[in-house]
Amino acid sequence: MASRLGQFCINVTSLENSIRFYTEVMGLVVKQHIEIPEAKEVILGAAEGSDSTIQLAQQHARTTPIDHGDALWKLYVYADDCQKTYDAAIAFGCKSKMEPQVLTEWHCTVAFVYDPDGYAVEIVGPLK
């Protein structure tokens, strides 16, 4: 029996704002909108070349900030240009955790920002 990982779902406080962040800043595209009795949801992924997806869910009954706990450490977003994506996130109003740095041992450039709900997003790009 073969298996593969599907997607993961994170709670967000404003679905519209999170969609804007992940599409306009991170470059993902909306794949599907879902409305269930307890939440509005959207699935986002790459326009092409990857079947990885993320599901954002805004629960109708949620009236308090999201409790992140310590289970989810970070999300990875692979970008063609780490610096440009990082700059777009800062211009969007996101807080920086780490400016772009070259990691020669990993053969990439990485930066960290916090998305609109405070999730750590590691932006990974090629060496420049």
Protein backbone atom coordinates (compact mmCIF):
# COMPACT_ATOMS: atom_id res chain seq x y z
CA MET A 1 0.00 0.00 0.00
CA ALA A 2 1.47 3.35 -1.06
CA SER A 3 0.93 6.56 0.87
CA ARG A 4 1.70 10.21 0.33
CA LEU A 5 1.37 13.30 2.45
CA GLY A 6 -1.58 15.48 1.52
CA GLN A 7 -1.73 18.91 3.09
CA PHE A 8 -1.91 20.53 6.47
CA CYS A 9 -4.47 22.98 7.80
CA ILE A 10 -3.81 26.02 9.99
CA ASN A 11 -6.33 28.22 11.78
CA VAL A 12 -6.39 31.86 10.73
CA THR A 13 -8.22 34.85 12.17
CA SER A 14 -8.97 36.52 8.81
CA LEU A 15 -9.25 34.22 5.82
CA GLU A 16 -9.21 37.15 3.39
CA ASN A 17 -6.04 38.67 4.86
CA SER A 18 -4.28 35.30 4.94
CA ILE A 19 -5.26 34.59 1.33
CA ARG A 20 -3.79 37.97 0.34
CA PHE A 21 -0.54 37.20 2.19
CA TYR A 22 -0.06 33.72 0.76
CA THR A 23 -1.04 34.71 -2.80
CA GLU A 24 0.29 38.26 -3.20
CA VAL A 25 3.43 37.89 -1.07
CA MET A 26 4.32 34.20 -1.13
CA GLY A 27 3.15 33.60 -4.70
CA LEU A 28 0.77 30.70 -4.07
CA VAL A 29 -2.54 30.32 -5.91
CA VAL A 30 -6.01 29.45 -4.66
CA LYS A 31 -6.88 25.88 -5.61
CA GLN A 32 -10.23 25.49 -3.85
CA HIS A 33 -12.71 27.30 -1.58
CA ILE A 34 -14.64 25.25 0.97
CA GLU A 35 -17.50 26.24 3.26
CA ILE A 36 -18.44 23.82 6.04
CA PRO A 37 -20.76 24.47 8.97
CA GLU A 38 -17.92 25.28 11.35
CA ALA A 39 -15.49 27.15 9.08
CA LYS A 40 -14.59 28.89 5.83
CA GLU A 41 -11.54 27.26 4.25
CA VAL A 42 -9.28 27.66 1.24
CA ILE A 43 -6.60 25.44 -0.21
CA LEU A 44 -3.53 27.09 -1.73
CA GLY A 45 -0.59 25.70 -3.64
CA ALA A 46 1.95 26.39 -6.36
CA ALA A 47 0.69 27.40 -9.79
CA GLU A 48 2.67 24.50 -11.27
CA GLY A 49 5.48 22.11 -10.49
CA SER A 50 4.38 20.96 -7.03
CA ASP A 51 1.42 19.23 -5.47
CA SER A 52 2.17 20.55 -1.96
CA THR A 53 -0.72 22.52 -0.49
CA ILE A 54 -1.73 24.41 2.62
CA GLN A 55 -5.26 24.74 3.91
CA LEU A 56 -6.31 27.88 5.76
CA ALA A 57 -9.37 27.70 8.00
CA GLN A 58 -11.28 30.50 9.69
CA GLN A 59 -13.58 28.93 12.26
CA HIS A 60 -16.93 30.70 12.59
CA ALA A 61 -17.08 30.31 16.39
CA ARG A 62 -13.55 31.58 17.05
CA THR A 63 -13.54 34.92 18.84
CA THR A 64 -10.11 34.79 20.47
CA PRO A 65 -6.57 34.85 19.08
CA ILE A 66 -5.14 31.56 17.88
CA ASP A 67 -3.30 29.52 20.50
CA HIS A 68 -0.22 28.31 18.63
CA GLY A 69 1.07 26.03 21.34
CA ASP A 70 4.48 24.64 20.49
CA ALA A 71 3.65 21.82 18.09
CA LEU A 72 4.12 23.71 14.80
CA TRP A 73 7.61 25.11 14.49
CA LYS A 74 7.57 26.69 11.02
CA LEU A 75 6.20 26.56 7.50
CA TYR A 76 8.52 26.41 4.49
CA VAL A 77 7.87 28.38 1.32
CA TYR A 78 10.30 27.91 -1.55
CA ALA A 79 10.79 31.12 -3.56
CA ASP A 80 12.74 31.98 -6.69
CA ASP A 81 14.04 35.10 -4.95
CA CYS A 82 14.33 34.98 -1.15
CA GLN A 83 15.21 38.67 -0.77
CA LYS A 84 12.35 39.87 -2.97
CA THR A 85 9.83 37.65 -1.16
CA TYR A 86 11.16 38.75 2.24
CA ASP A 87 10.90 42.43 1.21
CA ALA A 88 7.31 41.87 0.01
CA ALA A 89 6.41 40.28 3.36
CA ILE A 90 7.84 43.22 5.29
CA ALA A 91 6.00 45.68 3.00
CA PHE A 92 2.80 43.68 3.66
CA GLY A 93 3.29 44.41 7.37
CA CYS A 94 4.76 41.11 8.54
CA LYS A 95 7.33 41.03 11.33
CA SER A 96 10.81 39.77 10.57
CA LYS A 97 12.37 36.94 12.51
CA MET A 98 15.54 36.82 10.37
CA GLU A 99 16.70 38.79 7.34
CA PRO A 100 17.89 36.78 4.31
CA GLN A 101 21.12 34.92 4.95
CA VAL A 102 23.18 32.65 2.73
CA LEU A 103 23.55 29.16 4.16
CA THR A 104 26.41 27.70 2.14
CA GLU A 105 26.20 24.38 3.98
CA TRP A 106 22.59 23.99 2.75
CA HIS A 107 23.23 25.66 -0.65
CA CYS A 108 20.41 28.15 -0.24
CA THR A 109 19.35 31.55 1.05
CA VAL A 110 16.82 31.68 3.89
CA ALA A 111 14.81 34.29 5.75
CA PHE A 112 12.08 34.11 8.38
CA VAL A 113 8.94 36.20 8.72
CA TYR A 114 5.76 35.83 10.73
CA ASP A 115 2.56 35.58 8.71
CA PRO A 116 -0.50 37.70 9.69
CA ASP A 117 -1.44 35.16 12.39
CA GLY A 118 2.05 34.81 13.83
CA TYR A 119 3.08 31.55 12.16
CA ALA A 120 6.81 31.44 11.42
CA VAL A 121 7.41 31.14 7.67
CA GLU A 122 10.85 30.19 6.43
CA ILE A 123 11.44 31.57 2.95
CA VAL A 124 13.95 29.35 1.14
CA GLY A 125 15.58 30.47 -2.09
CA PRO A 126 18.56 29.58 -4.25
CA LEU A 127 22.03 30.88 -3.57
CA LYS A 128 22.55 34.28 -5.19
